[in-house]
Amino acid sequence: AITVEGANAVIDCKGHTISQITSKSAAACATNPGVDLDPSASRRQMKNDCDLYYQAGIILLDGATAINCKVEQFYEGFLVVNGGEVKGKKSEAYGNKRGVYSRFESGTIATKISDV
């Protein structure tokens, strides 16, 4: 739904919720979309089987940060690619198949989760 890219990029949701409407439970989705964010057969199948338009609520790329964000009803609440940070006491991932999912395509970049 939202993509934030770059080491200096930050989204502060101030405790607001990002969600999608679905007729099914995203947390119960059994179809894996694979690792590719581009359209693929497995991603289309996941969207059809699970009634999800978006795979991830917030995508953090290359060191981006999300602060005080609540995400619900996605396959991945927070999808972190090549490092990033989910922080804030008001950050939550609820009703997603995966709350925070990290994947690394290059280097040894860290994913951080903190309440500060």
PDB file of N, CA and C in Angstrom:
ATOM      1  N   ALA A   1       0.816  -1.194   0.000  1.00  0.00           N
ATOM      2  CA  ALA A   1       0.000   0.000   0.000  1.00  0.00           C
ATOM      3  C   ALA A   1       0.862   1.262   0.000  1.00  0.00           C
ATOM      4  N   ILE A   2       1.916   1.254   0.867  1.00  0.00           N
ATOM      5  CA  ILE A   2       2.809   2.413   0.959  1.00  0.00           C
ATOM      6  C   ILE A   2       4.249   1.921   0.847  1.00  0.00           C
ATOM      7  N   THR A   3       5.037   2.564  -0.001  1.00  0.00           N
ATOM      8  CA  THR A   3       6.447   2.229  -0.147  1.00  0.00           C
ATOM      9  C   THR A   3       7.283   3.429   0.274  1.00  0.00           C
ATOM     10  N   VAL A   4       8.269   3.186   1.146  1.00  0.00           N
ATOM     11  CA  VAL A   4       9.182   4.220   1.622  1.00  0.00           C
ATOM     12  C   VAL A   4      10.593   3.728   1.283  1.00  0.00           C
ATOM     13  N   GLU A   5      11.366   4.555   0.585  1.00  0.00           N
ATOM     14  CA  GLU A   5      12.658   4.098   0.077  1.00  0.00           C
ATOM     15  C   GLU A   5      13.783   5.049   0.421  1.00  0.00           C
ATOM     16  N   GLY A   6      14.898   4.481   0.916  1.00  0.00           N
ATOM     17  CA  GLY A   6      16.114   5.246   1.166  1.00  0.00           C
ATOM     18  C   GLY A   6      16.410   5.407   2.638  1.00  0.00           C
ATOM     19  N   ALA A   7      17.695   5.522   2.954  1.00  0.00           N
ATOM     20  CA  ALA A   7      18.151   5.579   4.341  1.00  0.00           C
ATOM     21  C   ALA A   7      17.598   6.785   5.103  1.00  0.00           C
ATOM     22  N   ASN A   8      17.282   7.863   4.426  1.00  0.00           N
ATOM     23  CA  ASN A   8      16.768   9.055   5.099  1.00  0.00           C
ATOM     24  C   ASN A   8      15.252   9.193   4.982  1.00  0.00           C
ATOM     25  N   ALA A   9      14.597   8.214   4.391  1.00  0.00           N
ATOM     26  CA  ALA A   9      13.149   8.283   4.196  1.00  0.00           C
ATOM     27  C   ALA A   9      12.430   7.761   5.441  1.00  0.00           C
ATOM     28  N   VAL A  10      11.420   8.513   5.897  1.00  0.00           N
ATOM     29  CA  VAL A  10      10.685   8.168   7.116  1.00  0.00           C
ATOM     30  C   VAL A  10       9.203   8.403   6.887  1.00  0.00           C
ATOM     31  N   ILE A  11       8.385   7.473   7.376  1.00  0.00           N
ATOM     32  CA  ILE A  11       6.950   7.710   7.450  1.00  0.00           C
ATOM     33  C   ILE A  11       6.568   7.646   8.917  1.00  0.00           C
ATOM     34  N   ASP A  12       5.884   8.680   9.416  1.00  0.00           N
ATOM     35  CA  ASP A  12       5.392   8.701  10.791  1.00  0.00           C
ATOM     36  C   ASP A  12       3.871   8.704  10.714  1.00  0.00           C
ATOM     37  N   CYS A  13       3.267   7.593  11.063  1.00  0.00           N
ATOM     38  CA  CYS A  13       1.809   7.447  10.977  1.00  0.00           C
ATOM     39  C   CYS A  13       1.098   8.038  12.181  1.00  0.00           C
ATOM     40  N   LYS A  14       1.843   8.441  13.208  1.00  0.00           N
ATOM     41  CA  LYS A  14       1.300   9.066  14.412  1.00  0.00           C
ATOM     42  C   LYS A  14       0.204   8.216  15.048  1.00  0.00           C
ATOM     43  N   GLY A  15       0.391   6.876  14.974  1.00  0.00           N
ATOM     44  CA  GLY A  15      -0.550   5.954  15.597  1.00  0.00           C
ATOM     45  C   GLY A  15      -1.739   5.574  14.738  1.00  0.00           C
ATOM     46  N   HIS A  16      -1.815   6.110  13.528  1.00  0.00           N
ATOM     47  CA  HIS A  16      -2.931   5.776  12.636  1.00  0.00           C
ATOM     48  C   HIS A  16      -2.747   4.384  12.040  1.00  0.00           C
ATOM     49  N   THR A  17      -3.834   3.810  11.542  1.00  0.00           N
ATOM     50  CA  THR A  17      -3.844   2.452  11.014  1.00  0.00           C
ATOM     51  C   THR A  17      -3.928   2.445   9.502  1.00  0.00           C
ATOM     52  N   ILE A  18      -3.143   1.580   8.894  1.00  0.00           N
ATOM     53  CA  ILE A  18      -3.200   1.326   7.455  1.00  0.00           C
ATOM     54  C   ILE A  18      -3.750  -0.081   7.309  1.00  0.00           C
ATOM     55  N   SER A  19      -4.887  -0.211   6.623  1.00  0.00           N
ATOM     56  CA  SER A  19      -5.495  -1.534   6.483  1.00  0.00           C
ATOM     57  C   SER A  19      -6.146  -1.649   5.115  1.00  0.00           C
ATOM     58  N   GLN A  20      -6.467  -2.873   4.765  1.00  0.00           N
ATOM     59  CA  GLN A  20      -7.227  -3.096   3.543  1.00  0.00           C
ATOM     60  C   GLN A  20      -8.444  -3.947   3.898  1.00  0.00           C
ATOM     61  N   ILE A  21      -9.495  -3.743   3.131  1.00  0.00           N
ATOM     62  CA  ILE A  21     -10.728  -4.495   3.341  1.00  0.00           C
ATOM     63  C   ILE A  21     -10.634  -5.794   2.554  1.00  0.00           C
ATOM     64  N   THR A  22     -10.920  -6.880   3.233  1.00  0.00           N
ATOM     65  CA  THR A  22     -10.879  -8.190   2.606  1.00  0.00           C
ATOM     66  C   THR A  22     -12.006  -9.043   3.170  1.00  0.00           C
ATOM     67  N   SER A  23     -12.504  -9.949   2.361  1.00  0.00           N
ATOM     68  CA  SER A  23     -13.581 -10.825   2.823  1.00  0.00           C
ATOM     69  C   SER A  23     -13.042 -12.028   3.583  1.00  0.00           C
ATOM     70  N   LYS A  24     -11.720 -12.186   3.591  1.00  0.00           N
ATOM     71  CA  LYS A  24     -11.084 -13.315   4.257  1.00  0.00           C
ATOM     72  C   LYS A  24     -10.077 -12.810   5.285  1.00  0.00           C
ATOM     73  N   SER A  25      -9.555 -13.711   6.084  1.00  0.00           N
ATOM     74  CA  SER A  25      -8.535 -13.362   7.065  1.00  0.00           C
ATOM     75  C   SER A  25      -7.156 -13.440   6.428  1.00  0.00           C
ATOM     76  N   ALA A  26      -6.450 -12.319   6.391  1.00  0.00           N
ATOM     77  CA  ALA A  26      -5.090 -12.324   5.845  1.00  0.00           C
ATOM     78  C   ALA A  26      -4.192 -13.234   6.666  1.00  0.00           C
ATOM     79  N   ALA A  27      -4.421 -13.293   7.976  1.00  0.00           N
ATOM     80  CA  ALA A  27      -3.593 -14.129   8.853  1.00  0.00           C
ATOM     81  C   ALA A  27      -3.746 -15.609   8.532  1.00  0.00           C
ATOM     82  N   ALA A  28      -4.880 -16.002   7.981  1.00  0.00           N
ATOM     83  CA  ALA A  28      -5.127 -17.415   7.669  1.00  0.00           C
ATOM     84  C   ALA A  28      -4.732 -17.783   6.242  1.00  0.00           C
ATOM     85  N   CYS A  29      -4.211 -16.848   5.489  1.00  0.00           N
ATOM     86  CA  CYS A  29      -3.843 -17.085   4.088  1.00  0.00           C
ATOM     87  C   CYS A  29      -2.761 -18.157   3.997  1.00  0.00           C
ATOM     88  N   ALA A  30      -3.009 -19.181   3.200  1.00  0.00           N
ATOM     89  CA  ALA A  30      -2.062 -20.290   3.085  1.00  0.00           C
ATOM     90  C   ALA A  30      -1.216 -20.225   1.815  1.00  0.00           C
ATOM     91  N   THR A  31      -1.518 -19.295   0.920  1.00  0.00           N
ATOM     92  CA  THR A  31      -0.795 -19.202  -0.347  1.00  0.00           C
ATOM     93  C   THR A  31       0.368 -18.233  -0.220  1.00  0.00           C
ATOM     94  N   ASN A  32       1.590 -18.713  -0.455  1.00  0.00           N
ATOM     95  CA  ASN A  32       2.792 -17.892  -0.351  1.00  0.00           C
ATOM     96  C   ASN A  32       2.971 -17.086  -1.636  1.00  0.00           C
ATOM     97  N   PRO A  33       3.170 -15.744  -1.521  1.00  0.00           N
ATOM     98  CA  PRO A  33       3.340 -14.929  -2.724  1.00  0.00           C
ATOM     99  C   PRO A  33       4.726 -15.016  -3.339  1.00  0.00           C
ATOM    100  N   GLY A  34       5.655 -15.716  -2.701  1.00  0.00           N
ATOM    101  CA  GLY A  34       7.023 -15.735  -3.203  1.00  0.00           C
ATOM    102  C   GLY A  34       7.769 -14.498  -2.751  1.00  0.00           C
ATOM    103  N   VAL A  35       8.976 -14.307  -3.277  1.00  0.00           N
ATOM    104  CA  VAL A  35       9.808 -13.187  -2.829  1.00  0.00           C
ATOM    105  C   VAL A  35       9.790 -12.010  -3.784  1.00  0.00           C
ATOM    106  N   ASP A  36       9.232 -12.177  -4.936  1.00  0.00           N
ATOM    107  CA  ASP A  36       9.262 -11.135  -5.961  1.00  0.00           C
ATOM    108  C   ASP A  36       8.107 -10.164  -5.764  1.00  0.00           C
ATOM    109  N   LEU A  37       8.393  -8.859  -5.709  1.00  0.00           N
ATOM    110  CA  LEU A  37       7.332  -7.859  -5.591  1.00  0.00           C
ATOM    111  C   LEU A  37       6.712  -7.520  -6.937  1.00  0.00           C
ATOM    112  N   ASP A  38       7.368  -7.903  -8.021  1.00  0.00           N
ATOM    113  CA  ASP A  38       6.792  -7.677  -9.342  1.00  0.00           C
ATOM    114  C   ASP A  38       5.676  -8.684  -9.568  1.00  0.00           C
ATOM    115  N   PRO A  39       4.758  -8.372 -10.482  1.00  0.00           N
ATOM    116  CA  PRO A  39       3.683  -9.328 -10.758  1.00  0.00           C
ATOM    117  C   PRO A  39       4.252 -10.690 -11.152  1.00  0.00           C
ATOM    118  N   SER A  40       3.768 -11.718 -10.507  1.00  0.00           N
ATOM    119  CA  SER A  40       4.193 -13.080 -10.801  1.00  0.00           C
ATOM    120  C   SER A  40       2.982 -13.981 -10.628  1.00  0.00           C
ATOM    121  N   ALA A  41       3.080 -15.193 -11.118  1.00  0.00           N
ATOM    122  CA  ALA A  41       1.967 -16.131 -11.005  1.00  0.00           C
ATOM    123  C   ALA A  41       1.660 -16.439  -9.542  1.00  0.00           C
ATOM    124  N   SER A  42       2.698 -16.619  -8.711  1.00  0.00           N
ATOM    125  CA  SER A  42       2.459 -16.937  -7.301  1.00  0.00           C
ATOM    126  C   SER A  42       1.845 -15.752  -6.555  1.00  0.00           C
ATOM    127  N   ARG A  43       2.241 -14.548  -6.913  1.00  0.00           N
ATOM    128  CA  ARG A  43       1.666 -13.358  -6.274  1.00  0.00           C
ATOM    129  C   ARG A  43       0.205 -13.173  -6.676  1.00  0.00           C
ATOM    130  N   ARG A  44      -0.111 -13.375  -7.957  1.00  0.00           N
ATOM    131  CA  ARG A  44      -1.508 -13.301  -8.410  1.00  0.00           C
ATOM    132  C   ARG A  44      -2.357 -14.365  -7.717  1.00  0.00           C
ATOM    133  N   GLN A  45      -1.797 -15.565  -7.568  1.00  0.00           N
ATOM    134  CA  GLN A  45      -2.521 -16.653  -6.906  1.00  0.00           C
ATOM    135  C   GLN A  45      -2.814 -16.306  -5.452  1.00  0.00           C
ATOM    136  N   MET A  46      -1.818 -15.726  -4.742  1.00  0.00           N
ATOM    137  CA  MET A  46      -2.021 -15.318  -3.358  1.00  0.00           C
ATOM    138  C   MET A  46      -3.133 -14.275  -3.270  1.00  0.00           C
ATOM    139  N   LYS A  47      -3.116 -13.302  -4.161  1.00  0.00           N
ATOM    140  CA  LYS A  47      -4.140 -12.260  -4.139  1.00  0.00           C
ATOM    141  C   LYS A  47      -5.531 -12.843  -4.370  1.00  0.00           C
ATOM    142  N   ASN A  48      -5.642 -13.785  -5.298  1.00  0.00           N
ATOM    143  CA  ASN A  48      -6.932 -14.410  -5.570  1.00  0.00           C
ATOM    144  C   ASN A  48      -7.388 -15.293  -4.416  1.00  0.00           C
ATOM    145  N   ASP A  49      -6.512 -16.168  -3.941  1.00  0.00           N
ATOM    146  CA  ASP A  49      -6.868 -17.103  -2.871  1.00  0.00           C
ATOM    147  C   ASP A  49      -7.216 -16.396  -1.571  1.00  0.00           C
ATOM    148  N   CYS A  50      -6.517 -15.322  -1.273  1.00  0.00           N
ATOM    149  CA  CYS A  50      -6.643 -14.662   0.026  1.00  0.00           C
ATOM    150  C   CYS A  50      -7.475 -13.380  -0.023  1.00  0.00           C
ATOM    151  N   ASP A  51      -7.950 -12.994  -1.194  1.00  0.00           N
ATOM    152  CA  ASP A  51      -8.720 -11.765  -1.378  1.00  0.00           C
ATOM    153  C   ASP A  51      -7.944 -10.537  -0.887  1.00  0.00           C
ATOM    154  N   LEU A  52      -6.659 -10.462  -1.257  1.00  0.00           N
ATOM    155  CA  LEU A  52      -5.815  -9.339  -0.874  1.00  0.00           C
ATOM    156  C   LEU A  52      -5.392  -8.580  -2.120  1.00  0.00           C
ATOM    157  N   TYR A  53      -5.624  -7.269  -2.146  1.00  0.00           N
ATOM    158  CA  TYR A  53      -5.170  -6.466  -3.271  1.00  0.00           C
ATOM    159  C   TYR A  53      -3.698  -6.119  -3.109  1.00  0.00           C
ATOM    160  N   TYR A  54      -3.306  -5.752  -1.887  1.00  0.00           N
ATOM    161  CA  TYR A  54      -1.911  -5.414  -1.595  1.00  0.00           C
ATOM    162  C   TYR A  54      -1.258  -6.531  -0.806  1.00  0.00           C
ATOM    163  N   GLN A  55      -0.028  -6.836  -1.122  1.00  0.00           N
ATOM    164  CA  GLN A  55       0.724  -7.863  -0.399  1.00  0.00           C
ATOM    165  C   GLN A  55       1.200  -7.329   0.948  1.00  0.00           C
ATOM    166  N   ALA A  56       1.716  -6.108   0.982  1.00  0.00           N
ATOM    167  CA  ALA A  56       2.286  -5.534   2.206  1.00  0.00           C
ATOM    168  C   ALA A  56       1.639  -4.192   2.530  1.00  0.00           C
ATOM    169  N   GLY A  57       1.519  -3.928   3.828  1.00  0.00           N
ATOM    170  CA  GLY A  57       0.967  -2.644   4.259  1.00  0.00           C
ATOM    171  C   GLY A  57       1.963  -1.516   4.057  1.00  0.00           C
ATOM    172  N   ILE A  58       3.156  -1.701   4.588  1.00  0.00           N
ATOM    173  CA  ILE A  58       4.234  -0.722   4.407  1.00  0.00           C
ATOM    174  C   ILE A  58       5.476  -1.481   3.949  1.00  0.00           C
ATOM    175  N   ILE A  59       6.051  -1.042   2.847  1.00  0.00           N
ATOM    176  CA  ILE A  59       7.290  -1.609   2.326  1.00  0.00           C
ATOM    177  C   ILE A  59       8.402  -0.621   2.626  1.00  0.00           C
ATOM    178  N   LEU A  60       9.389  -1.069   3.377  1.00  0.00           N
ATOM    179  CA  LEU A  60      10.554  -0.241   3.695  1.00  0.00           C
ATOM    180  C   LEU A  60      11.724  -0.758   2.875  1.00  0.00           C
ATOM    181  N   LEU A  61      12.283   0.102   2.021  1.00  0.00           N
ATOM    182  CA  LEU A  61      13.381  -0.284   1.133  1.00  0.00           C
ATOM    183  C   LEU A  61      14.661   0.452   1.494  1.00  0.00           C
ATOM    184  N   ASP A  62      15.759  -0.276   1.500  1.00  0.00           N
ATOM    185  CA  ASP A  62      17.099   0.306   1.586  1.00  0.00           C
ATOM    186  C   ASP A  62      17.300   1.247   2.762  1.00  0.00           C
ATOM    187  N   GLY A  63      16.851   0.818   3.952  1.00  0.00           N
ATOM    188  CA  GLY A  63      17.121   1.586   5.165  1.00  0.00           C
ATOM    189  C   GLY A  63      16.038   2.555   5.593  1.00  0.00           C
ATOM    190  N   ALA A  64      14.879   2.529   4.980  1.00  0.00           N
ATOM    191  CA  ALA A  64      13.781   3.437   5.342  1.00  0.00           C
ATOM    192  C   ALA A  64      13.224   3.083   6.725  1.00  0.00           C
ATOM    193  N   THR A  65      12.475   4.024   7.310  1.00  0.00           N
ATOM    194  CA  THR A  65      11.949   3.871   8.670  1.00  0.00           C
ATOM    195  C   THR A  65      10.451   4.141   8.718  1.00  0.00           C
ATOM    196  N   ALA A  66       9.746   3.326   9.504  1.00  0.00           N
ATOM    197  CA  ALA A  66       8.324   3.563   9.804  1.00  0.00           C
ATOM    198  C   ALA A  66       8.206   3.785  11.302  1.00  0.00           C
ATOM    199  N   ILE A  67       7.497   4.842  11.684  1.00  0.00           N
ATOM    200  CA  ILE A  67       7.346   5.204  13.093  1.00  0.00           C
ATOM    201  C   ILE A  67       5.859   5.234  13.445  1.00  0.00           C
ATOM    202  N   ASN A  68       5.511   4.597  14.569  1.00  0.00           N
ATOM    203  CA  ASN A  68       4.152   4.642  15.111  1.00  0.00           C
ATOM    204  C   ASN A  68       3.077   4.293  14.086  1.00  0.00           C
ATOM    205  N   CYS A  69       3.307   3.215  13.336  1.00  0.00           N
ATOM    206  CA  CYS A  69       2.350   2.779  12.312  1.00  0.00           C
ATOM    207  C   CYS A  69       1.694   1.470  12.722  1.00  0.00           C
ATOM    208  N   LYS A  70       0.397   1.389  12.514  1.00  0.00           N
ATOM    209  CA  LYS A  70      -0.353   0.162  12.726  1.00  0.00           C
ATOM    210  C   LYS A  70      -0.765  -0.350  11.353  1.00  0.00           C
ATOM    211  N   VAL A  71      -0.513  -1.620  11.078  1.00  0.00           N
ATOM    212  CA  VAL A  71      -0.888  -2.208   9.792  1.00  0.00           C
ATOM    213  C   VAL A  71      -1.675  -3.489  10.035  1.00  0.00           C
ATOM    214  N   GLU A  72      -2.746  -3.672   9.264  1.00  0.00           N
ATOM    215  CA  GLU A  72      -3.567  -4.866   9.452  1.00  0.00           C
ATOM    216  C   GLU A  72      -4.180  -5.324   8.138  1.00  0.00           C
ATOM    217  N   GLN A  73      -4.393  -6.626   8.057  1.00  0.00           N
ATOM    218  CA  GLN A  73      -5.029  -7.304   6.932  1.00  0.00           C
ATOM    219  C   GLN A  73      -4.182  -7.302   5.661  1.00  0.00           C
ATOM    220  N   PHE A  74      -2.896  -7.577   5.814  1.00  0.00           N
ATOM    221  CA  PHE A  74      -1.988  -7.747   4.679  1.00  0.00           C
ATOM    222  C   PHE A  74      -1.284  -9.091   4.831  1.00  0.00           C
ATOM    223  N   TYR A  75      -0.691  -9.585   3.771  1.00  0.00           N
ATOM    224  CA  TYR A  75       0.122 -10.789   3.897  1.00  0.00           C
ATOM    225  C   TYR A  75       1.323 -10.469   4.783  1.00  0.00           C
ATOM    226  N   GLU A  76       2.007  -9.360   4.484  1.00  0.00           N
ATOM    227  CA  GLU A  76       3.076  -8.852   5.341  1.00  0.00           C
ATOM    228  C   GLU A  76       2.666  -7.472   5.839  1.00  0.00           C
ATOM    229  N   GLY A  77       2.619  -7.288   7.148  1.00  0.00           N
ATOM    230  CA  GLY A  77       2.306  -5.960   7.681  1.00  0.00           C
ATOM    231  C   GLY A  77       3.379  -4.962   7.276  1.00  0.00           C
ATOM    232  N   PHE A  78       4.611  -5.270   7.676  1.00  0.00           N
ATOM    233  CA  PHE A  78       5.787  -4.489   7.285  1.00  0.00           C
ATOM    234  C   PHE A  78       6.693  -5.415   6.479  1.00  0.00           C
ATOM    235  N   LEU A  79       7.010  -5.033   5.269  1.00  0.00           N
ATOM    236  CA  LEU A  79       7.969  -5.775   4.450  1.00  0.00           C
ATOM    237  C   LEU A  79       9.227  -4.928   4.360  1.00  0.00           C
ATOM    238  N   VAL A  80      10.326  -5.426   4.914  1.00  0.00           N
ATOM    239  CA  VAL A  80      11.582  -4.687   4.963  1.00  0.00           C
ATOM    240  C   VAL A  80      12.564  -5.345   3.998  1.00  0.00           C
ATOM    241  N   VAL A  81      13.008  -4.584   2.990  1.00  0.00           N
ATOM    242  CA  VAL A  81      13.926  -5.104   1.982  1.00  0.00           C
ATOM    243  C   VAL A  81      15.231  -4.330   2.066  1.00  0.00           C
ATOM    244  N   ASN A  82      16.317  -5.037   2.292  1.00  0.00           N
ATOM    245  CA  ASN A  82      17.651  -4.442   2.400  1.00  0.00           C
ATOM    246  C   ASN A  82      17.770  -3.478   3.576  1.00  0.00           C
ATOM    247  N   GLY A  83      17.190  -3.856   4.693  1.00  0.00           N
ATOM    248  CA  GLY A  83      17.339  -3.096   5.928  1.00  0.00           C
ATOM    249  C   GLY A  83      16.339  -1.979   6.089  1.00  0.00           C
ATOM    250  N   GLY A  84      16.047  -1.682   7.331  1.00  0.00           N
ATOM    251  CA  GLY A  84      15.114  -0.624   7.674  1.00  0.00           C
ATOM    252  C   GLY A  84      14.775  -0.724   9.141  1.00  0.00           C
ATOM    253  N   GLU A  85      13.865   0.131   9.594  1.00  0.00           N
ATOM    254  CA  GLU A  85      13.522   0.147  11.010  1.00  0.00           C
ATOM    255  C   GLU A  85      12.038   0.380  11.200  1.00  0.00           C
ATOM    256  N   VAL A  86      11.447  -0.420  12.069  1.00  0.00           N
ATOM    257  CA  VAL A  86      10.071  -0.234  12.519  1.00  0.00           C
ATOM    258  C   VAL A  86      10.191   0.188  13.971  1.00  0.00           C
ATOM    259  N   LYS A  87       9.724   1.400  14.289  1.00  0.00           N
ATOM    260  CA  LYS A  87       9.895   1.857  15.660  1.00  0.00           C
ATOM    261  C   LYS A  87       8.697   2.638  16.160  1.00  0.00           C
ATOM    262  N   GLY A  88       8.634   2.780  17.461  1.00  0.00           N
ATOM    263  CA  GLY A  88       7.576   3.528  18.119  1.00  0.00           C
ATOM    264  C   GLY A  88       6.694   2.632  18.954  1.00  0.00           C
ATOM    265  N   LYS A  89       6.289   3.145  20.106  1.00  0.00           N
ATOM    266  CA  LYS A  89       5.434   2.374  21.009  1.00  0.00           C
ATOM    267  C   LYS A  89       4.058   2.138  20.419  1.00  0.00           C
ATOM    268  N   LYS A  90       3.683   2.894  19.399  1.00  0.00           N
ATOM    269  CA  LYS A  90       2.373   2.723  18.770  1.00  0.00           C
ATOM    270  C   LYS A  90       2.441   1.896  17.493  1.00  0.00           C
ATOM    271  N   SER A  91       3.574   1.299  17.186  1.00  0.00           N
ATOM    272  CA  SER A  91       3.681   0.448  15.998  1.00  0.00           C
ATOM    273  C   SER A  91       3.121  -0.930  16.306  1.00  0.00           C
ATOM    274  N   GLU A  92       2.238  -1.410  15.414  1.00  0.00           N
ATOM    275  CA  GLU A  92       1.618  -2.717  15.590  1.00  0.00           C
ATOM    276  C   GLU A  92       1.389  -3.354  14.235  1.00  0.00           C
ATOM    277  N   ALA A  93       1.433  -4.668  14.227  1.00  0.00           N
ATOM    278  CA  ALA A  93       1.048  -5.438  13.046  1.00  0.00           C
ATOM    279  C   ALA A  93       0.030  -6.466  13.516  1.00  0.00           C
ATOM    280  N   TYR A  94      -1.208  -6.336  13.072  1.00  0.00           N
ATOM    281  CA  TYR A  94      -2.288  -7.184  13.565  1.00  0.00           C
ATOM    282  C   TYR A  94      -3.072  -7.775  12.399  1.00  0.00           C
ATOM    283  N   GLY A  95      -3.400  -9.040  12.479  1.00  0.00           N
ATOM    284  CA  GLY A  95      -4.242  -9.665  11.459  1.00  0.00           C
ATOM    285  C   GLY A  95      -3.538  -9.877  10.133  1.00  0.00           C
ATOM    286  N   ASN A  96      -2.219  -9.880  10.150  1.00  0.00           N
ATOM    287  CA  ASN A  96      -1.422 -10.133   8.948  1.00  0.00           C
ATOM    288  C   ASN A  96      -0.901 -11.567   9.009  1.00  0.00           C
ATOM    289  N   LYS A  97      -0.563 -12.147   7.862  1.00  0.00           N
ATOM    290  CA  LYS A  97       0.081 -13.462   7.869  1.00  0.00           C
ATOM    291  C   LYS A  97       1.448 -13.362   8.546  1.00  0.00           C
ATOM    292  N   ARG A  98       2.215 -12.329   8.163  1.00  0.00           N
ATOM    293  CA  ARG A  98       3.524 -12.054   8.776  1.00  0.00           C
ATOM    294  C   ARG A  98       3.501 -10.617   9.275  1.00  0.00           C
ATOM    295  N   GLY A  99       3.850 -10.414  10.518  1.00  0.00           N
ATOM    296  CA  GLY A  99       3.862  -9.058  11.059  1.00  0.00           C
ATOM    297  C   GLY A  99       4.952  -8.206  10.443  1.00  0.00           C
ATOM    298  N   VAL A 100       6.192  -8.653  10.597  1.00  0.00           N
ATOM    299  CA  VAL A 100       7.354  -7.991   9.993  1.00  0.00           C
ATOM    300  C   VAL A 100       8.135  -9.068   9.251  1.00  0.00           C
ATOM    301  N   TYR A 101       8.375  -8.828   7.979  1.00  0.00           N
ATOM    302  CA  TYR A 101       9.123  -9.786   7.169  1.00  0.00           C
ATOM    303  C   TYR A 101      10.311  -9.067   6.556  1.00  0.00           C
ATOM    304  N   SER A 102      11.506  -9.572   6.811  1.00  0.00           N
ATOM    305  CA  SER A 102      12.736  -8.954   6.301  1.00  0.00           C
ATOM    306  C   SER A 102      13.366  -9.835   5.246  1.00  0.00           C
ATOM    307  N   ARG A 103      13.881  -9.188   4.220  1.00  0.00           N
ATOM    308  CA  ARG A 103      14.644  -9.933   3.222  1.00  0.00           C
ATOM    309  C   ARG A 103      15.772  -9.050   2.721  1.00  0.00           C
ATOM    310  N   PHE A 104      16.868  -9.701   2.399  1.00  0.00           N
ATOM    311  CA  PHE A 104      18.067  -8.977   2.008  1.00  0.00           C
ATOM    312  C   PHE A 104      18.496  -9.424   0.624  1.00  0.00           C
ATOM    313  N   GLU A 105      18.662  -8.462  -0.254  1.00  0.00           N
ATOM    314  CA  GLU A 105      19.098  -8.749  -1.622  1.00  0.00           C
ATOM    315  C   GLU A 105      20.573  -8.440  -1.816  1.00  0.00           C
ATOM    316  N   SER A 106      21.141  -7.645  -0.902  1.00  0.00           N
ATOM    317  CA  SER A 106      22.565  -7.309  -1.019  1.00  0.00           C
ATOM    318  C   SER A 106      23.113  -6.870   0.333  1.00  0.00           C
ATOM    319  N   GLY A 107      24.386  -7.146   0.566  1.00  0.00           N
ATOM    320  CA  GLY A 107      25.067  -6.637   1.753  1.00  0.00           C
ATOM    321  C   GLY A 107      24.593  -7.236   3.053  1.00  0.00           C
ATOM    322  N   THR A 108      25.055  -6.658   4.133  1.00  0.00           N
ATOM    323  CA  THR A 108      24.696  -7.100   5.473  1.00  0.00           C
ATOM    324  C   THR A 108      24.031  -5.953   6.209  1.00  0.00           C
ATOM    325  N   ILE A 109      22.895  -5.559   5.738  1.00  0.00           N
ATOM    326  CA  ILE A 109      22.140  -4.449   6.324  1.00  0.00           C
ATOM    327  C   ILE A 109      21.166  -5.024   7.347  1.00  0.00           C
ATOM    328  N   ALA A 110      20.970  -4.333   8.460  1.00  0.00           N
ATOM    329  CA  ALA A 110      20.129  -4.835   9.546  1.00  0.00           C
ATOM    330  C   ALA A 110      18.700  -4.317   9.466  1.00  0.00           C
ATOM    331  N   THR A 111      17.796  -5.107  10.011  1.00  0.00           N
ATOM    332  CA  THR A 111      16.425  -4.684  10.255  1.00  0.00           C
ATOM    333  C   THR A 111      16.288  -4.463  11.751  1.00  0.00           C
ATOM    334  N   LYS A 112      15.799  -3.292  12.153  1.00  0.00           N
ATOM    335  CA  LYS A 112      15.674  -2.962  13.563  1.00  0.00           C
ATOM    336  C   LYS A 112      14.200  -2.812  13.938  1.00  0.00           C
ATOM    337  N   ILE A 113      13.873  -3.293  15.107  1.00  0.00           N
ATOM    338  CA  ILE A 113      12.534  -3.096  15.668  1.00  0.00           C
ATOM    339  C   ILE A 113      12.734  -2.558  17.068  1.00  0.00           C
ATOM    340  N   SER A 114      12.202  -1.374  17.334  1.00  0.00           N
ATOM    341  CA  SER A 114      12.405  -0.746  18.645  1.00  0.00           C
ATOM    342  C   SER A 114      11.159  -0.010  19.081  1.00  0.00           C
ATOM    343  N   ASP A 115      11.087   0.269  20.386  1.00  0.00           N
ATOM    344  CA  ASP A 115       9.927   0.985  20.913  1.00  0.00           C
ATOM    345  C   ASP A 115      10.245   2.443  21.228  1.00  0.00           C
ATOM    346  N   VAL A 116      11.347   2.930  20.727  1.00  0.00           N
ATOM    347  CA  VAL A 116      11.751   4.312  20.989  1.00  0.00           C
ATOM    348  C   VAL A 116      11.528   5.153  19.754  1.00  0.00           C
TER     349      VAL A 116
END
